[in-house]
Amino acid sequence: MADEALAKAGLHFDELNKVRVLEPEIAGQTTELKEECKEFVEKIAEFQKIVGSFIDVVDKVAKEVEKEKMKAIGSRNLLKSIAKQREAQQQQLQALIAEKKTQLERYRMQYNSLMKEEAEQTEFIEQFILQK
């Protein structure tokens, strides 16, 4: 009966017979909730550590990717400049070939002209010798 009177007044006894303001059931639930909150906070802290590590790894990978990207861009630019150099060299060589062909044709014409002149001079000499 004293327990009921105290319960009506909002006072309760726990398992150690200590006077409590909360009912023993609610006090137990409160303690259980406190433990669950503590576990939750620990898990959140662990999750934050994992996320921090993950962010560090992602940042390192991003830096490596950026570095490799710059290398690739440099290589591409080098290949473009090499291709342009080869194209310019090819044009120079084609111009040289055309010049040499022109020179060859000129030499052929000069050779033919000299051969014709030699033939004419040989004929002239033969006729001159026959006349004497």
C-alpha atoms as a PDB file:
ATOM      1  CA  MET A   1       0.000   0.000   0.000  1.00  0.00           C
ATOM      2  CA  ALA A   2       2.880   2.360   0.748  1.00  0.00           C
ATOM      3  CA  ASP A   3       4.228   1.500  -2.667  1.00  0.00           C
ATOM      4  CA  GLU A   4       0.968   2.531  -4.265  1.00  0.00           C
ATOM      5  CA  ALA A   5       0.890   5.802  -2.363  1.00  0.00           C
ATOM      6  CA  LEU A   6       4.443   6.591  -3.374  1.00  0.00           C
ATOM      7  CA  ALA A   7       3.663   5.591  -6.993  1.00  0.00           C
ATOM      8  CA  LYS A   8       0.738   8.020  -6.992  1.00  0.00           C
ATOM      9  CA  ALA A   9       3.117  10.697  -5.778  1.00  0.00           C
ATOM     10  CA  GLY A  10       5.497   9.815  -8.629  1.00  0.00           C
ATOM     11  CA  LEU A  11       8.095   8.041  -6.497  1.00  0.00           C
ATOM     12  CA  HIS A  12       9.224   4.451  -7.118  1.00  0.00           C
ATOM     13  CA  PHE A  13      11.731   1.939  -5.814  1.00  0.00           C
ATOM     14  CA  ASP A  14      14.241   0.268  -8.107  1.00  0.00           C
ATOM     15  CA  GLU A  15      15.771  -3.253  -7.784  1.00  0.00           C
ATOM     16  CA  LEU A  16      18.290  -1.904  -5.244  1.00  0.00           C
ATOM     17  CA  ASN A  17      15.427  -0.357  -3.249  1.00  0.00           C
ATOM     18  CA  LYS A  18      16.510   3.177  -4.104  1.00  0.00           C
ATOM     19  CA  VAL A  19      13.835   5.837  -4.450  1.00  0.00           C
ATOM     20  CA  ARG A  20      13.417   6.973  -8.047  1.00  0.00           C
ATOM     21  CA  VAL A  21      11.251   9.596  -9.694  1.00  0.00           C
ATOM     22  CA  LEU A  22      10.735   7.410 -12.778  1.00  0.00           C
ATOM     23  CA  GLU A  23       9.009   4.090 -12.875  1.00  0.00           C
ATOM     24  CA  PRO A  24      11.480   1.187 -12.916  1.00  0.00           C
ATOM     25  CA  GLU A  25      10.267   0.130 -16.371  1.00  0.00           C
ATOM     26  CA  ILE A  26      10.745   3.615 -17.808  1.00  0.00           C
ATOM     27  CA  ALA A  27      14.125   3.962 -16.038  1.00  0.00           C
ATOM     28  CA  GLY A  28      15.207   0.669 -17.652  1.00  0.00           C
ATOM     29  CA  GLN A  29      14.057   1.841 -21.052  1.00  0.00           C
ATOM     30  CA  THR A  30      15.895   5.136 -20.478  1.00  0.00           C
ATOM     31  CA  THR A  31      19.084   3.285 -19.577  1.00  0.00           C
ATOM     32  CA  GLU A  32      18.661   1.019 -22.592  1.00  0.00           C
ATOM     33  CA  LEU A  33      18.099   4.047 -24.837  1.00  0.00           C
ATOM     34  CA  LYS A  34      21.190   5.698 -23.333  1.00  0.00           C
ATOM     35  CA  GLU A  35      23.284   2.625 -24.194  1.00  0.00           C
ATOM     36  CA  GLU A  36      21.838   2.482 -27.707  1.00  0.00           C
ATOM     37  CA  CYS A  37      22.631   6.186 -28.186  1.00  0.00           C
ATOM     38  CA  LYS A  38      26.183   5.615 -26.965  1.00  0.00           C
ATOM     39  CA  GLU A  39      26.606   2.730 -29.454  1.00  0.00           C
ATOM     40  CA  PHE A  40      25.077   4.874 -32.199  1.00  0.00           C
ATOM     41  CA  VAL A  41      27.476   7.758 -31.473  1.00  0.00           C
ATOM     42  CA  GLU A  42      30.426   5.332 -31.524  1.00  0.00           C
ATOM     43  CA  LYS A  43      29.265   3.903 -34.843  1.00  0.00           C
ATOM     44  CA  ILE A  44      28.832   7.412 -36.271  1.00  0.00           C
ATOM     45  CA  ALA A  45      32.369   8.316 -35.124  1.00  0.00           C
ATOM     46  CA  GLU A  46      33.700   5.133 -36.759  1.00  0.00           C
ATOM     47  CA  PHE A  47      31.730   5.921 -39.911  1.00  0.00           C
ATOM     48  CA  GLN A  48      33.206   9.442 -39.973  1.00  0.00           C
ATOM     49  CA  LYS A  49      36.710   7.971 -39.715  1.00  0.00           C
ATOM     50  CA  ILE A  50      35.963   5.597 -42.598  1.00  0.00           C
ATOM     51  CA  VAL A  51      34.495   8.413 -44.687  1.00  0.00           C
ATOM     52  CA  GLY A  52      37.516  10.609 -43.911  1.00  0.00           C
ATOM     53  CA  SER A  53      39.849   7.815 -45.038  1.00  0.00           C
ATOM     54  CA  PHE A  54      37.749   7.293 -48.160  1.00  0.00           C
ATOM     55  CA  ILE A  55      37.885  11.005 -48.995  1.00  0.00           C
ATOM     56  CA  ASP A  56      41.671  10.985 -48.560  1.00  0.00           C
ATOM     57  CA  VAL A  57      41.981   7.999 -50.902  1.00  0.00           C
ATOM     58  CA  VAL A  58      39.677   9.607 -53.467  1.00  0.00           C
ATOM     59  CA  ASP A  59      41.693  12.850 -53.299  1.00  0.00           C
ATOM     60  CA  LYS A  60      44.933  10.935 -53.876  1.00  0.00           C
ATOM     61  CA  VAL A  61      43.404   9.071 -56.803  1.00  0.00           C
ATOM     62  CA  ALA A  62      42.073  12.352 -58.232  1.00  0.00           C
ATOM     63  CA  LYS A  63      45.548  13.892 -58.018  1.00  0.00           C
ATOM     64  CA  GLU A  64      47.063  10.874 -59.769  1.00  0.00           C
ATOM     65  CA  VAL A  65      44.386  10.990 -62.454  1.00  0.00           C
ATOM     66  CA  GLU A  66      45.023  14.705 -63.004  1.00  0.00           C
ATOM     67  CA  LYS A  67      48.766  14.042 -63.222  1.00  0.00           C
ATOM     68  CA  GLU A  68      48.250  11.256 -65.784  1.00  0.00           C
ATOM     69  CA  LYS A  69      45.809  13.477 -67.679  1.00  0.00           C
ATOM     70  CA  MET A  70      48.472  16.179 -67.980  1.00  0.00           C
ATOM     71  CA  LYS A  71      50.985  13.581 -69.174  1.00  0.00           C
ATOM     72  CA  ALA A  72      48.498  12.375 -71.792  1.00  0.00           C
ATOM     73  CA  ILE A  73      47.813  15.928 -72.983  1.00  0.00           C
ATOM     74  CA  GLY A  74      51.554  16.563 -73.228  1.00  0.00           C
ATOM     75  CA  SER A  75      52.050  13.357 -75.200  1.00  0.00           C
ATOM     76  CA  ARG A  76      49.187  14.222 -77.529  1.00  0.00           C
ATOM     77  CA  ASN A  77      50.627  17.688 -78.160  1.00  0.00           C
ATOM     78  CA  LEU A  78      54.050  16.174 -78.808  1.00  0.00           C
ATOM     79  CA  LEU A  79      52.547  13.732 -81.303  1.00  0.00           C
ATOM     80  CA  LYS A  80      50.744  16.584 -83.064  1.00  0.00           C
ATOM     81  CA  SER A  81      53.953  18.585 -83.346  1.00  0.00           C
ATOM     82  CA  ILE A  82      55.828  15.527 -84.627  1.00  0.00           C
ATOM     83  CA  ALA A  83      53.106  14.960 -87.215  1.00  0.00           C
ATOM     84  CA  LYS A  84      53.360  18.594 -88.338  1.00  0.00           C
ATOM     85  CA  GLN A  85      57.145  18.318 -88.553  1.00  0.00           C
ATOM     86  CA  ARG A  86      56.839  15.175 -90.660  1.00  0.00           C
ATOM     87  CA  GLU A  87      54.303  16.855 -92.922  1.00  0.00           C
ATOM     88  CA  ALA A  88      56.617  19.856 -93.390  1.00  0.00           C
ATOM     89  CA  GLN A  89      59.567  17.540 -94.045  1.00  0.00           C
ATOM     90  CA  GLN A  90      57.501  15.564 -96.549  1.00  0.00           C
ATOM     91  CA  GLN A  91      56.587  18.774 -98.379  1.00  0.00           C
ATOM     92  CA  GLN A  92      60.245  19.813 -98.462  1.00  0.00           C
ATOM     93  CA  LEU A  93      61.232  16.437 -99.863  1.00  0.00           C
ATOM     94  CA  GLN A  94      58.494  16.596-102.511  1.00  0.00           C
ATOM     95  CA  ALA A  95      59.670  20.073-103.524  1.00  0.00           C
ATOM     96  CA  LEU A  96      63.226  18.732-103.744  1.00  0.00           C
ATOM     97  CA  ILE A  97      62.052  15.796-105.871  1.00  0.00           C
ATOM     98  CA  ALA A  98      60.203  18.168-108.229  1.00  0.00           C
ATOM     99  CA  GLU A  99      63.313  20.361-108.470  1.00  0.00           C
ATOM    100  CA  LYS A 100      65.512  17.343-109.225  1.00  0.00           C
ATOM    101  CA  LYS A 101      63.046  16.095-111.865  1.00  0.00           C
ATOM    102  CA  THR A 102      63.127  19.500-113.531  1.00  0.00           C
ATOM    103  CA  GLN A 103      66.922  19.489-113.425  1.00  0.00           C
ATOM    104  CA  LEU A 104      66.982  15.934-114.847  1.00  0.00           C
ATOM    105  CA  GLU A 105      64.698  16.950-117.712  1.00  0.00           C
ATOM    106  CA  ARG A 106      66.915  19.965-118.422  1.00  0.00           C
ATOM    107  CA  TYR A 107      69.997  17.716-118.444  1.00  0.00           C
ATOM    108  CA  ARG A 108      68.240  15.276-120.820  1.00  0.00           C
ATOM    109  CA  MET A 109      67.366  18.078-123.198  1.00  0.00           C
ATOM    110  CA  GLN A 110      70.915  19.410-123.019  1.00  0.00           C
ATOM    111  CA  TYR A 111      72.269  15.877-123.586  1.00  0.00           C
ATOM    112  CA  ASN A 112      69.996  15.352-126.600  1.00  0.00           C
ATOM    113  CA  SER A 113      71.016  18.734-127.964  1.00  0.00           C
ATOM    114  CA  LEU A 114      74.702  17.896-127.510  1.00  0.00           C
ATOM    115  CA  MET A 115      74.218  14.481-129.099  1.00  0.00           C
ATOM    116  CA  LYS A 116      72.489  16.114-132.066  1.00  0.00           C
ATOM    117  CA  GLU A 117      75.280  18.703-132.351  1.00  0.00           C
ATOM    118  CA  GLU A 118      77.921  15.965-132.125  1.00  0.00           C
ATOM    119  CA  ALA A 119      76.171  14.023-134.872  1.00  0.00           C
ATOM    120  CA  GLU A 120      76.044  17.146-137.039  1.00  0.00           C
ATOM    121  CA  GLN A 121      79.724  17.908-136.421  1.00  0.00           C
ATOM    122  CA  THR A 122      80.699  14.305-137.119  1.00  0.00           C
ATOM    123  CA  GLU A 123      78.761  14.434-140.381  1.00  0.00           C
ATOM    124  CA  PHE A 124      80.369  17.777-141.228  1.00  0.00           C
ATOM    125  CA  ILE A 125      83.842  16.365-140.552  1.00  0.00           C
ATOM    126  CA  GLU A 126      83.141  13.287-142.669  1.00  0.00           C
ATOM    127  CA  GLN A 127      81.935  15.459-145.534  1.00  0.00           C
ATOM    128  CA  PHE A 128      84.940  17.738-145.154  1.00  0.00           C
ATOM    129  CA  ILE A 129      87.304  14.795-145.250  1.00  0.00           C
ATOM    130  CA  LEU A 130      85.581  13.329-148.292  1.00  0.00           C
ATOM    131  CA  GLN A 131      85.869  16.589-150.175  1.00  0.00           C
ATOM    132  CA  LYS A 132      89.622  16.708-149.945  1.00  0.00           C
END
